Amino acid sequence: MLMFEQTASRVSTQLSDGGEALTIRIDGNFDFNLHSEFQRAYRDCNPAPKSYSVDLSDTRYLDSAALGMLLLLRDHSLEGQDDGGQRHTVELVNANDHVAKVLAVSNFDKIFTIR
């Protein structure tokens, strides 16, 4: 019997040199199974970045749980806004046609910048 153990993370992050921007990349299916890993990806940054980018170029599928996780990221970014009026941003980038359609049907283009 063959057994496979998934050792590679499906959520990876890259923090800019100055710590101002965090890119979170999702590889494969973006679903409830990634909840803890996705949340840890942005909550572990201290101080909080001013911008977040979720790179969906390697995301094949996302479900309603993923949409909820994106909303939680948005809420987290709003909590991190400073008193000087600096708005923290979340953008969703590089979605394939299927993922982009789910985002559009869900009206996420009204909530997030989608590129």
PDB file of N, CA and C in Angstrom:
ATOM      1  N   MET A   1       0.842  -1.181   0.000  1.00  0.00           N
ATOM      2  CA  MET A   1       0.000   0.000   0.000  1.00  0.00           C
ATOM      3  C   MET A   1       0.883   1.238   0.000  1.00  0.00           C
ATOM      4  N   LEU A   2       0.603   2.151  -0.914  1.00  0.00           N
ATOM      5  CA  LEU A   2       1.342   3.404  -0.982  1.00  0.00           C
ATOM      6  C   LEU A   2       0.682   4.442  -0.103  1.00  0.00           C
ATOM      7  N   MET A   3       1.482   5.139   0.635  1.00  0.00           N
ATOM      8  CA  MET A   3       0.962   6.229   1.460  1.00  0.00           C
ATOM      9  C   MET A   3       1.749   7.482   1.128  1.00  0.00           C
ATOM     10  N   PHE A   4       1.027   8.584   0.969  1.00  0.00           N
ATOM     11  CA  PHE A   4       1.658   9.851   0.668  1.00  0.00           C
ATOM     12  C   PHE A   4       1.392  10.803   1.803  1.00  0.00           C
ATOM     13  N   GLU A   5       2.407  11.510   2.178  1.00  0.00           N
ATOM     14  CA  GLU A   5       2.260  12.519   3.215  1.00  0.00           C
ATOM     15  C   GLU A   5       2.519  13.871   2.572  1.00  0.00           C
ATOM     16  N   GLN A   6       1.581  14.765   2.740  1.00  0.00           N
ATOM     17  CA  GLN A   6       1.759  16.094   2.175  1.00  0.00           C
ATOM     18  C   GLN A   6       2.647  16.903   3.105  1.00  0.00           C
ATOM     19  N   THR A   7       3.838  17.206   2.636  1.00  0.00           N
ATOM     20  CA  THR A   7       4.776  17.949   3.470  1.00  0.00           C
ATOM     21  C   THR A   7       4.903  19.394   3.028  1.00  0.00           C
ATOM     22  N   ALA A   8       4.581  19.646   1.787  1.00  0.00           N
ATOM     23  CA  ALA A   8       4.703  21.008   1.282  1.00  0.00           C
ATOM     24  C   ALA A   8       3.452  21.800   1.641  1.00  0.00           C
ATOM     25  N   SER A   9       3.669  23.007   2.075  1.00  0.00           N
ATOM     26  CA  SER A   9       2.552  23.880   2.416  1.00  0.00           C
ATOM     27  C   SER A   9       1.873  24.374   1.151  1.00  0.00           C
ATOM     28  N   ARG A  10       0.561  24.462   1.200  1.00  0.00           N
ATOM     29  CA  ARG A  10      -0.182  25.005   0.061  1.00  0.00           C
ATOM     30  C   ARG A  10      -0.397  26.498   0.210  1.00  0.00           C
ATOM     31  N   VAL A  11       0.032  27.057   1.336  1.00  0.00           N
ATOM     32  CA  VAL A  11      -0.033  28.495   1.564  1.00  0.00           C
ATOM     33  C   VAL A  11       1.389  28.981   1.797  1.00  0.00           C
ATOM     34  N   SER A  12       1.832  29.890   0.954  1.00  0.00           N
ATOM     35  CA  SER A  12       3.167  30.451   1.142  1.00  0.00           C
ATOM     36  C   SER A  12       3.060  31.973   1.211  1.00  0.00           C
ATOM     37  N   THR A  13       4.013  32.578   1.863  1.00  0.00           N
ATOM     38  CA  THR A  13       3.989  34.035   2.032  1.00  0.00           C
ATOM     39  C   THR A  13       5.319  34.642   1.632  1.00  0.00           C
ATOM     40  N   GLN A  14       5.232  35.902   1.269  1.00  0.00           N
ATOM     41  CA  GLN A  14       6.429  36.681   0.995  1.00  0.00           C
ATOM     42  C   GLN A  14       6.179  38.081   1.518  1.00  0.00           C
ATOM     43  N   LEU A  15       7.023  38.504   2.446  1.00  0.00           N
ATOM     44  CA  LEU A  15       6.928  39.831   3.024  1.00  0.00           C
ATOM     45  C   LEU A  15       7.930  40.731   2.317  1.00  0.00           C
ATOM     46  N   SER A  16       7.501  41.918   1.936  1.00  0.00           N
ATOM     47  CA  SER A  16       8.401  42.845   1.250  1.00  0.00           C
ATOM     48  C   SER A  16       9.551  43.230   2.175  1.00  0.00           C
ATOM     49  N   ASP A  17      10.614  43.764   1.588  1.00  0.00           N
ATOM     50  CA  ASP A  17      11.807  44.123   2.358  1.00  0.00           C
ATOM     51  C   ASP A  17      11.503  45.034   3.534  1.00  0.00           C
ATOM     52  N   GLY A  18      10.667  46.010   3.346  1.00  0.00           N
ATOM     53  CA  GLY A  18      10.349  46.941   4.425  1.00  0.00           C
ATOM     54  C   GLY A  18       9.220  46.469   5.325  1.00  0.00           C
ATOM     55  N   GLY A  19       8.636  45.327   5.012  1.00  0.00           N
ATOM     56  CA  GLY A  19       7.540  44.800   5.810  1.00  0.00           C
ATOM     57  C   GLY A  19       6.217  45.487   5.546  1.00  0.00           C
ATOM     58  N   GLU A  20       6.144  46.274   4.486  1.00  0.00           N
ATOM     59  CA  GLU A  20       4.928  47.031   4.162  1.00  0.00           C
ATOM     60  C   GLU A  20       3.869  46.200   3.447  1.00  0.00           C
ATOM     61  N   ALA A  21       4.307  45.154   2.721  1.00  0.00           N
ATOM     62  CA  ALA A  21       3.378  44.384   1.891  1.00  0.00           C
ATOM     63  C   ALA A  21       3.596  42.890   2.103  1.00  0.00           C
ATOM     64  N   LEU A  22       2.487  42.182   2.227  1.00  0.00           N
ATOM     65  CA  LEU A  22       2.532  40.731   2.380  1.00  0.00           C
ATOM     66  C   LEU A  22       1.791  40.101   1.212  1.00  0.00           C
ATOM     67  N   THR A  23       2.447  39.166   0.531  1.00  0.00           N
ATOM     68  CA  THR A  23       1.813  38.394  -0.529  1.00  0.00           C
ATOM     69  C   THR A  23       1.591  36.985  -0.009  1.00  0.00           C
ATOM     70  N   ILE A  24       0.360  36.519  -0.143  1.00  0.00           N
ATOM     71  CA  ILE A  24      -0.015  35.160   0.252  1.00  0.00           C
ATOM     72  C   ILE A  24      -0.381  34.412  -1.020  1.00  0.00           C
ATOM     73  N   ARG A  25       0.286  33.304  -1.267  1.00  0.00           N
ATOM     74  CA  ARG A  25       0.019  32.507  -2.473  1.00  0.00           C
ATOM     75  C   ARG A  25      -0.656  31.199  -2.061  1.00  0.00           C
ATOM     76  N   ILE A  26      -1.731  30.876  -2.769  1.00  0.00           N
ATOM     77  CA  ILE A  26      -2.489  29.652  -2.522  1.00  0.00           C
ATOM     78  C   ILE A  26      -2.239  28.687  -3.676  1.00  0.00           C
ATOM     79  N   ASP A  27      -1.788  27.489  -3.348  1.00  0.00           N
ATOM     80  CA  ASP A  27      -1.494  26.478  -4.356  1.00  0.00           C
ATOM     81  C   ASP A  27      -2.534  25.361  -4.268  1.00  0.00           C
ATOM     82  N   GLY A  28      -3.258  25.130  -5.342  1.00  0.00           N
ATOM     83  CA  GLY A  28      -4.251  24.063  -5.368  1.00  0.00           C
ATOM     84  C   GLY A  28      -5.633  24.558  -5.002  1.00  0.00           C
ATOM     85  N   ASN A  29      -6.378  23.741  -4.283  1.00  0.00           N
ATOM     86  CA  ASN A  29      -7.731  24.103  -3.880  1.00  0.00           C
ATOM     87  C   ASN A  29      -7.708  24.988  -2.645  1.00  0.00           C
ATOM     88  N   PHE A  30      -8.450  26.082  -2.714  1.00  0.00           N
ATOM     89  CA  PHE A  30      -8.573  27.007  -1.587  1.00  0.00           C
ATOM     90  C   PHE A  30      -9.913  26.683  -0.937  1.00  0.00           C
ATOM     91  N   ASP A  31      -9.857  25.942   0.154  1.00  0.00           N
ATOM     92  CA  ASP A  31     -11.073  25.492   0.824  1.00  0.00           C
ATOM     93  C   ASP A  31     -10.855  25.466   2.332  1.00  0.00           C
ATOM     94  N   PHE A  32     -11.831  24.950   3.045  1.00  0.00           N
ATOM     95  CA  PHE A  32     -11.792  24.972   4.506  1.00  0.00           C
ATOM     96  C   PHE A  32     -10.550  24.293   5.079  1.00  0.00           C
ATOM     97  N   ASN A  33      -9.994  23.346   4.376  1.00  0.00           N
ATOM     98  CA  ASN A  33      -8.799  22.646   4.854  1.00  0.00           C
ATOM     99  C   ASN A  33      -7.616  23.592   5.067  1.00  0.00           C
ATOM    100  N   LEU A  34      -7.642  24.757   4.448  1.00  0.00           N
ATOM    101  CA  LEU A  34      -6.546  25.717   4.579  1.00  0.00           C
ATOM    102  C   LEU A  34      -6.824  26.807   5.620  1.00  0.00           C
ATOM    103  N   HIS A  35      -7.931  26.694   6.329  1.00  0.00           N
ATOM    104  CA  HIS A  35      -8.339  27.764   7.245  1.00  0.00           C
ATOM    105  C   HIS A  35      -7.228  28.172   8.220  1.00  0.00           C
ATOM    106  N   SER A  36      -6.712  27.247   8.983  1.00  0.00           N
ATOM    107  CA  SER A  36      -5.682  27.582   9.986  1.00  0.00           C
ATOM    108  C   SER A  36      -4.412  28.101   9.335  1.00  0.00           C
ATOM    109  N   GLU A  37      -3.999  27.442   8.279  1.00  0.00           N
ATOM    110  CA  GLU A  37      -2.767  27.821   7.597  1.00  0.00           C
ATOM    111  C   GLU A  37      -2.883  29.213   6.971  1.00  0.00           C
ATOM    112  N   PHE A  38      -4.027  29.501   6.362  1.00  0.00           N
ATOM    113  CA  PHE A  38      -4.241  30.811   5.743  1.00  0.00           C
ATOM    114  C   PHE A  38      -4.270  31.905   6.809  1.00  0.00           C
ATOM    115  N   GLN A  39      -4.980  31.662   7.893  1.00  0.00           N
ATOM    116  CA  GLN A  39      -5.076  32.655   8.961  1.00  0.00           C
ATOM    117  C   GLN A  39      -3.701  32.905   9.590  1.00  0.00           C
ATOM    118  N   ARG A  40      -2.944  31.862   9.805  1.00  0.00           N
ATOM    119  CA  ARG A  40      -1.605  31.999  10.377  1.00  0.00           C
ATOM    120  C   ARG A  40      -0.696  32.822   9.454  1.00  0.00           C
ATOM    121  N   ALA A  41      -0.914  32.710   8.140  1.00  0.00           N
ATOM    122  CA  ALA A  41      -0.067  33.411   7.171  1.00  0.00           C
ATOM    123  C   ALA A  41      -0.086  34.919   7.365  1.00  0.00           C
ATOM    124  N   TYR A  42      -1.231  35.478   7.744  1.00  0.00           N
ATOM    125  CA  TYR A  42      -1.287  36.928   7.925  1.00  0.00           C
ATOM    126  C   TYR A  42      -1.282  37.353   9.390  1.00  0.00           C
ATOM    127  N   ARG A  43      -1.710  36.518  10.276  1.00  0.00           N
ATOM    128  CA  ARG A  43      -1.731  36.892  11.694  1.00  0.00           C
ATOM    129  C   ARG A  43      -0.343  36.879  12.334  1.00  0.00           C
ATOM    130  N   ASP A  44       0.578  36.125  11.765  1.00  0.00           N
ATOM    131  CA  ASP A  44       1.920  36.017  12.336  1.00  0.00           C
ATOM    132  C   ASP A  44       2.814  37.212  12.000  1.00  0.00           C
ATOM    133  N   CYS A  45       2.332  38.156  11.222  1.00  0.00           N
ATOM    134  CA  CYS A  45       3.136  39.337  10.855  1.00  0.00           C
ATOM    135  C   CYS A  45       2.971  40.413  11.921  1.00  0.00           C
ATOM    136  N   ASN A  46       4.090  40.818  12.492  1.00  0.00           N
ATOM    137  CA  ASN A  46       4.049  41.868  13.498  1.00  0.00           C
ATOM    138  C   ASN A  46       5.237  42.794  13.273  1.00  0.00           C
ATOM    139  N   PRO A  47       5.013  44.058  12.966  1.00  0.00           N
ATOM    140  CA  PRO A  47       3.728  44.733  12.847  1.00  0.00           C
ATOM    141  C   PRO A  47       2.995  44.331  11.569  1.00  0.00           C
ATOM    142  N   ALA A  48       1.711  44.622  11.556  1.00  0.00           N
ATOM    143  CA  ALA A  48       0.877  44.259  10.406  1.00  0.00           C
ATOM    144  C   ALA A  48       1.304  45.046   9.176  1.00  0.00           C
ATOM    145  N   PRO A  49       1.359  44.395   8.023  1.00  0.00           N
ATOM    146  CA  PRO A  49       1.669  45.104   6.775  1.00  0.00           C
ATOM    147  C   PRO A  49       0.570  46.096   6.417  1.00  0.00           C
ATOM    148  N   LYS A  50       0.887  47.035   5.559  1.00  0.00           N
ATOM    149  CA  LYS A  50      -0.097  48.019   5.104  1.00  0.00           C
ATOM    150  C   LYS A  50      -0.896  47.508   3.910  1.00  0.00           C
ATOM    151  N   SER A  51      -0.362  46.513   3.216  1.00  0.00           N
ATOM    152  CA  SER A  51      -1.110  45.944   2.095  1.00  0.00           C
ATOM    153  C   SER A  51      -0.935  44.433   2.053  1.00  0.00           C
ATOM    154  N   TYR A  52      -1.992  43.792   1.600  1.00  0.00           N
ATOM    155  CA  TYR A  52      -2.018  42.348   1.465  1.00  0.00           C
ATOM    156  C   TYR A  52      -2.394  42.028   0.028  1.00  0.00           C
ATOM    157  N   SER A  53      -1.717  41.055  -0.531  1.00  0.00           N
ATOM    158  CA  SER A  53      -2.021  40.598  -1.873  1.00  0.00           C
ATOM    159  C   SER A  53      -2.183  39.082  -1.801  1.00  0.00           C
ATOM    160  N   VAL A  54      -3.314  38.586  -2.285  1.00  0.00           N
ATOM    161  CA  VAL A  54      -3.542  37.143  -2.327  1.00  0.00           C
ATOM    162  C   VAL A  54      -3.356  36.718  -3.777  1.00  0.00           C
ATOM    163  N   ASP A  55      -2.279  35.984  -4.025  1.00  0.00           N
ATOM    164  CA  ASP A  55      -1.934  35.539  -5.375  1.00  0.00           C
ATOM    165  C   ASP A  55      -2.643  34.210  -5.641  1.00  0.00           C
ATOM    166  N   LEU A  56      -3.572  34.246  -6.582  1.00  0.00           N
ATOM    167  CA  LEU A  56      -4.389  33.081  -6.905  1.00  0.00           C
ATOM    168  C   LEU A  56      -3.938  32.406  -8.205  1.00  0.00           C
ATOM    169  N   SER A  57      -2.730  32.684  -8.651  1.00  0.00           N
ATOM    170  CA  SER A  57      -2.269  32.146  -9.935  1.00  0.00           C
ATOM    171  C   SER A  57      -2.192  30.618  -9.924  1.00  0.00           C
ATOM    172  N   ASP A  58      -1.953  30.002  -8.779  1.00  0.00           N
ATOM    173  CA  ASP A  58      -1.872  28.547  -8.690  1.00  0.00           C
ATOM    174  C   ASP A  58      -3.089  27.933  -8.004  1.00  0.00           C
ATOM    175  N   THR A  59      -4.147  28.738  -7.856  1.00  0.00           N
ATOM    176  CA  THR A  59      -5.377  28.262  -7.215  1.00  0.00           C
ATOM    177  C   THR A  59      -6.304  27.708  -8.290  1.00  0.00           C
ATOM    178  N   ARG A  60      -6.674  26.439  -8.145  1.00  0.00           N
ATOM    179  CA  ARG A  60      -7.539  25.793  -9.138  1.00  0.00           C
ATOM    180  C   ARG A  60      -9.010  25.951  -8.806  1.00  0.00           C
ATOM    181  N   TYR A  61      -9.329  26.088  -7.528  1.00  0.00           N
ATOM    182  CA  TYR A  61     -10.713  26.045  -7.086  1.00  0.00           C
ATOM    183  C   TYR A  61     -10.820  26.795  -5.769  1.00  0.00           C
ATOM    184  N   LEU A  62     -11.944  27.461  -5.543  1.00  0.00           N
ATOM    185  CA  LEU A  62     -12.213  28.008  -4.217  1.00  0.00           C
ATOM    186  C   LEU A  62     -13.677  27.825  -3.904  1.00  0.00           C
ATOM    187  N   ASP A  63     -13.965  27.656  -2.615  1.00  0.00           N
ATOM    188  CA  ASP A  63     -15.342  27.426  -2.199  1.00  0.00           C
ATOM    189  C   ASP A  63     -15.799  28.541  -1.269  1.00  0.00           C
ATOM    190  N   SER A  64     -16.988  28.378  -0.702  1.00  0.00           N
ATOM    191  CA  SER A  64     -17.548  29.425   0.157  1.00  0.00           C
ATOM    192  C   SER A  64     -16.696  29.643   1.409  1.00  0.00           C
ATOM    193  N   ALA A  65     -16.038  28.601   1.890  1.00  0.00           N
ATOM    194  CA  ALA A  65     -15.150  28.771   3.046  1.00  0.00           C
ATOM    195  C   ALA A  65     -13.984  29.691   2.691  1.00  0.00           C
ATOM    196  N   ALA A  66     -13.461  29.554   1.488  1.00  0.00           N
ATOM    197  CA  ALA A  66     -12.371  30.428   1.043  1.00  0.00           C
ATOM    198  C   ALA A  66     -12.849  31.870   0.958  1.00  0.00           C
ATOM    199  N   LEU A  67     -14.063  32.072   0.465  1.00  0.00           N
ATOM    200  CA  LEU A  67     -14.607  33.432   0.407  1.00  0.00           C
ATOM    201  C   LEU A  67     -14.697  34.017   1.823  1.00  0.00           C
ATOM    202  N   GLY A  68     -15.123  33.197   2.772  1.00  0.00           N
ATOM    203  CA  GLY A  68     -15.179  33.645   4.163  1.00  0.00           C
ATOM    204  C   GLY A  68     -13.802  33.981   4.708  1.00  0.00           C
ATOM    205  N   MET A  69     -12.797  33.178   4.349  1.00  0.00           N
ATOM    206  CA  MET A  69     -11.427  33.451   4.808  1.00  0.00           C
ATOM    207  C   MET A  69     -10.910  34.771   4.235  1.00  0.00           C
ATOM    208  N   LEU A  70     -11.262  35.061   2.988  1.00  0.00           N
ATOM    209  CA  LEU A  70     -10.858  36.334   2.393  1.00  0.00           C
ATOM    210  C   LEU A  70     -11.523  37.504   3.119  1.00  0.00           C
ATOM    211  N   LEU A  71     -12.775  37.326   3.521  1.00  0.00           N
ATOM    212  CA  LEU A  71     -13.452  38.376   4.288  1.00  0.00           C
ATOM    213  C   LEU A  71     -12.802  38.556   5.658  1.00  0.00           C
ATOM    214  N   LEU A  72     -12.367  37.471   6.274  1.00  0.00           N
ATOM    215  CA  LEU A  72     -11.662  37.580   7.558  1.00  0.00           C
ATOM    216  C   LEU A  72     -10.336  38.322   7.390  1.00  0.00           C
ATOM    217  N   LEU A  73      -9.640  38.079   6.288  1.00  0.00           N
ATOM    218  CA  LEU A  73      -8.406  38.820   6.011  1.00  0.00           C
ATOM    219  C   LEU A  73      -8.711  40.300   5.859  1.00  0.00           C
ATOM    220  N   ARG A  74      -9.777  40.605   5.146  1.00  0.00           N
ATOM    221  CA  ARG A  74     -10.179  42.010   4.979  1.00  0.00           C
ATOM    222  C   ARG A  74     -10.464  42.646   6.341  1.00  0.00           C
ATOM    223  N   ASP A  75     -11.215  41.964   7.187  1.00  0.00           N
ATOM    224  CA  ASP A  75     -11.504  42.479   8.534  1.00  0.00           C
ATOM    225  C   ASP A  75     -10.224  42.692   9.323  1.00  0.00           C
ATOM    226  N   HIS A  76      -9.299  41.755   9.214  1.00  0.00           N
ATOM    227  CA  HIS A  76      -8.010  41.875   9.907  1.00  0.00           C
ATOM    228  C   HIS A  76      -7.251  43.101   9.414  1.00  0.00           C
ATOM    229  N   SER A  77      -7.281  43.346   8.116  1.00  0.00           N
ATOM    230  CA  SER A  77      -6.563  44.501   7.567  1.00  0.00           C
ATOM    231  C   SER A  77      -7.185  45.808   8.051  1.00  0.00           C
ATOM    232  N   LEU A  78      -8.500  45.832   8.207  1.00  0.00           N
ATOM    233  CA  LEU A  78      -9.177  47.037   8.691  1.00  0.00           C
ATOM    234  C   LEU A  78      -8.844  47.303  10.151  1.00  0.00           C
ATOM    235  N   GLU A  79      -8.668  46.247  10.938  1.00  0.00           N
ATOM    236  CA  GLU A  79      -8.276  46.395  12.345  1.00  0.00           C
ATOM    237  C   GLU A  79      -6.891  47.015  12.453  1.00  0.00           C
ATOM    238  N   GLY A  80      -6.037  46.759  11.473  1.00  0.00           N
ATOM    239  CA  GLY A  80      -4.660  47.223  11.525  1.00  0.00           C
ATOM    240  C   GLY A  80      -4.452  48.637  11.025  1.00  0.00           C
ATOM    241  N   GLN A  81      -5.515  49.339  10.657  1.00  0.00           N
ATOM    242  CA  GLN A  81      -5.341  50.703  10.142  1.00  0.00           C
ATOM    243  C   GLN A  81      -4.865  51.628  11.246  1.00  0.00           C
ATOM    244  N   ASP A  82      -3.952  52.503  10.880  1.00  0.00           N
ATOM    245  CA  ASP A  82      -3.436  53.433  11.883  1.00  0.00           C
ATOM    246  C   ASP A  82      -4.321  54.671  11.987  1.00  0.00           C
ATOM    247  N   ASP A  83      -4.080  55.462  13.009  1.00  0.00           N
ATOM    248  CA  ASP A  83      -4.902  56.641  13.267  1.00  0.00           C
ATOM    249  C   ASP A  83      -4.673  57.765  12.269  1.00  0.00           C
ATOM    250  N   GLY A  84      -3.605  57.678  11.492  1.00  0.00           N
ATOM    251  CA  GLY A  84      -3.296  58.721  10.524  1.00  0.00           C
ATOM    252  C   GLY A  84      -4.100  58.605   9.246  1.00  0.00           C
ATOM    253  N   GLY A  85      -5.077  57.723   9.214  1.00  0.00           N
ATOM    254  CA  GLY A  85      -5.919  57.586   8.036  1.00  0.00           C
ATOM    255  C   GLY A  85      -5.323  56.681   6.975  1.00  0.00           C
ATOM    256  N   GLN A  86      -4.190  56.034   7.270  1.00  0.00           N
ATOM    257  CA  GLN A  86      -3.575  55.122   6.312  1.00  0.00           C
ATOM    258  C   GLN A  86      -4.485  53.915   6.121  1.00  0.00           C
ATOM    259  N   ARG A  87      -4.987  53.745   4.932  1.00  0.00           N
ATOM    260  CA  ARG A  87      -5.889  52.626   4.662  1.00  0.00           C
ATOM    261  C   ARG A  87      -5.077  51.396   4.261  1.00  0.00           C
ATOM    262  N   HIS A  88      -5.329  50.307   4.924  1.00  0.00           N
ATOM    263  CA  HIS A  88      -4.689  49.051   4.576  1.00  0.00           C
ATOM    264  C   HIS A  88      -5.523  48.388   3.484  1.00  0.00           C
ATOM    265  N   THR A  89      -4.859  47.798   2.523  1.00  0.00           N
ATOM    266  CA  THR A  89      -5.564  47.257   1.369  1.00  0.00           C
ATOM    267  C   THR A  89      -5.379  45.747   1.245  1.00  0.00           C
ATOM    268  N   VAL A  90      -6.353  45.129   0.617  1.00  0.00           N
ATOM    269  CA  VAL A  90      -6.279  43.712   0.263  1.00  0.00           C
ATOM    270  C   VAL A  90      -6.642  43.617  -1.209  1.00  0.00           C
ATOM    271  N   GLU A  91      -5.764  42.994  -1.993  1.00  0.00           N
ATOM    272  CA  GLU A  91      -6.078  42.782  -3.396  1.00  0.00           C
ATOM    273  C   GLU A  91      -5.931  41.307  -3.732  1.00  0.00           C
ATOM    274  N   LEU A  92      -6.742  40.877  -4.687  1.00  0.00           N
ATOM    275  CA  LEU A  92      -6.722  39.505  -5.172  1.00  0.00           C
ATOM    276  C   LEU A  92      -6.174  39.545  -6.587  1.00  0.00           C
ATOM    277  N   VAL A  93      -5.130  38.772  -6.844  1.00  0.00           N
ATOM    278  CA  VAL A  93      -4.446  38.881  -8.136  1.00  0.00           C
ATOM    279  C   VAL A  93      -4.287  37.522  -8.815  1.00  0.00           C
ATOM    280  N   ASN A  94      -4.235  37.576 -10.140  1.00  0.00           N
ATOM    281  CA  ASN A  94      -3.872  36.443 -10.996  1.00  0.00           C
ATOM    282  C   ASN A  94      -4.829  35.255 -10.938  1.00  0.00           C
ATOM    283  N   ALA A  95      -6.107  35.502 -10.755  1.00  0.00           N
ATOM    284  CA  ALA A  95      -7.080  34.404 -10.714  1.00  0.00           C
ATOM    285  C   ALA A  95      -7.317  33.846 -12.105  1.00  0.00           C
ATOM    286  N   ASN A  96      -7.445  32.516 -12.201  1.00  0.00           N
ATOM    287  CA  ASN A  96      -7.803  31.918 -13.485  1.00  0.00           C
ATOM    288  C   ASN A  96      -9.279  32.213 -13.772  1.00  0.00           C
ATOM    289  N   ASP A  97      -9.761  31.803 -14.938  1.00  0.00           N
ATOM    290  CA  ASP A  97     -11.135  32.128 -15.340  1.00  0.00           C
ATOM    291  C   ASP A  97     -12.178  31.591 -14.369  1.00  0.00           C
ATOM    292  N   HIS A  98     -12.001  30.355 -13.920  1.00  0.00           N
ATOM    293  CA  HIS A  98     -12.970  29.745 -13.005  1.00  0.00           C
ATOM    294  C   HIS A  98     -13.015  30.497 -11.674  1.00  0.00           C
ATOM    295  N   VAL A  99     -11.866  30.749 -11.099  1.00  0.00           N
ATOM    296  CA  VAL A  99     -11.795  31.448  -9.809  1.00  0.00           C
ATOM    297  C   VAL A  99     -12.312  32.881  -9.961  1.00  0.00           C
ATOM    298  N   ALA A 100     -11.959  33.540 -11.047  1.00  0.00           N
ATOM    299  CA  ALA A 100     -12.429  34.909 -11.283  1.00  0.00           C
ATOM    300  C   ALA A 100     -13.951  34.945 -11.397  1.00  0.00           C
ATOM    301  N   LYS A 101     -14.529  33.927 -12.005  1.00  0.00           N
ATOM    302  CA  LYS A 101     -15.986  33.877 -12.135  1.00  0.00           C
ATOM    303  C   LYS A 101     -16.651  33.718 -10.771  1.00  0.00           C
ATOM    304  N   VAL A 102     -16.095  32.877  -9.907  1.00  0.00           N
ATOM    305  CA  VAL A 102     -16.639  32.709  -8.551  1.00  0.00           C
ATOM    306  C   VAL A 102     -16.564  34.033  -7.799  1.00  0.00           C
ATOM    307  N   LEU A 103     -15.446  34.735  -7.925  1.00  0.00           N
ATOM    308  CA  LEU A 103     -15.291  36.033  -7.255  1.00  0.00           C
ATOM    309  C   LEU A 103     -16.301  37.050  -7.784  1.00  0.00           C
ATOM    310  N   ALA A 104     -16.527  37.047  -9.090  1.00  0.00           N
ATOM    311  CA  ALA A 104     -17.462  37.994  -9.691  1.00  0.00           C
ATOM    312  C   ALA A 104     -18.902  37.689  -9.279  1.00  0.00           C
ATOM    313  N   VAL A 105     -19.292  36.426  -9.317  1.00  0.00           N
ATOM    314  CA  VAL A 105     -20.646  36.033  -8.934  1.00  0.00           C
ATOM    315  C   VAL A 105     -20.902  36.377  -7.465  1.00  0.00           C
ATOM    316  N   SER A 106     -19.864  36.314  -6.664  1.00  0.00           N
ATOM    317  CA  SER A 106     -19.973  36.619  -5.232  1.00  0.00           C
ATOM    318  C   SER A 106     -19.867  38.120  -4.943  1.00  0.00           C
ATOM    319  N   ASN A 107     -19.739  38.924  -5.991  1.00  0.00           N
ATOM    320  CA  ASN A 107     -19.596  40.383  -5.874  1.00  0.00           C
ATOM    321  C   ASN A 107     -18.362  40.807  -5.086  1.00  0.00           C
ATOM    322  N   PHE A 108     -17.326  39.989  -5.120  1.00  0.00           N
ATOM    323  CA  PHE A 108     -16.101  40.345  -4.408  1.00  0.00           C
ATOM    324  C   PHE A 108     -15.370  41.499  -5.085  1.00  0.00           C
ATOM    325  N   ASP A 109     -15.714  41.788  -6.331  1.00  0.00           N
ATOM    326  CA  ASP A 109     -15.118  42.937  -7.000  1.00  0.00           C
ATOM    327  C   ASP A 109     -15.597  44.239  -6.374  1.00  0.00           C
ATOM    328  N   LYS A 110     -16.659  44.194  -5.586  1.00  0.00           N
ATOM    329  CA  LYS A 110     -17.155  45.376  -4.885  1.00  0.00           C
ATOM    330  C   LYS A 110     -16.445  45.560  -3.538  1.00  0.00           C
ATOM    331  N   ILE A 111     -15.810  44.498  -3.059  1.00  0.00           N
ATOM    332  CA  ILE A 111     -15.175  44.519  -1.747  1.00  0.00           C
ATOM    333  C   ILE A 111     -13.647  44.607  -1.862  1.00  0.00           C
ATOM    334  N   PHE A 112     -13.095  43.954  -2.874  1.00  0.00           N
ATOM    335  CA  PHE A 112     -11.647  43.855  -3.048  1.00  0.00           C
ATOM    336  C   PHE A 112     -11.228  44.457  -4.385  1.00  0.00           C
ATOM    337  N   THR A 113      -9.986  44.842  -4.461  1.00  0.00           N
ATOM    338  CA  THR A 113      -9.374  45.147  -5.754  1.00  0.00           C
ATOM    339  C   THR A 113      -8.984  43.810  -6.362  1.00  0.00           C
ATOM    340  N   ILE A 114      -9.437  43.548  -7.572  1.00  0.00           N
ATOM    341  CA  ILE A 114      -9.109  42.304  -8.250  1.00  0.00           C
ATOM    342  C   ILE A 114      -8.354  42.651  -9.523  1.00  0.00           C
ATOM    343  N   ARG A 115      -7.153  42.097  -9.638  1.00  0.00           N
ATOM    344  CA  ARG A 115      -6.322  42.338 -10.829  1.00  0.00           C
ATOM    345  C   ARG A 115      -5.981  41.011 -11.467  1.00  0.00           C
TER     346      ARG A 115
END
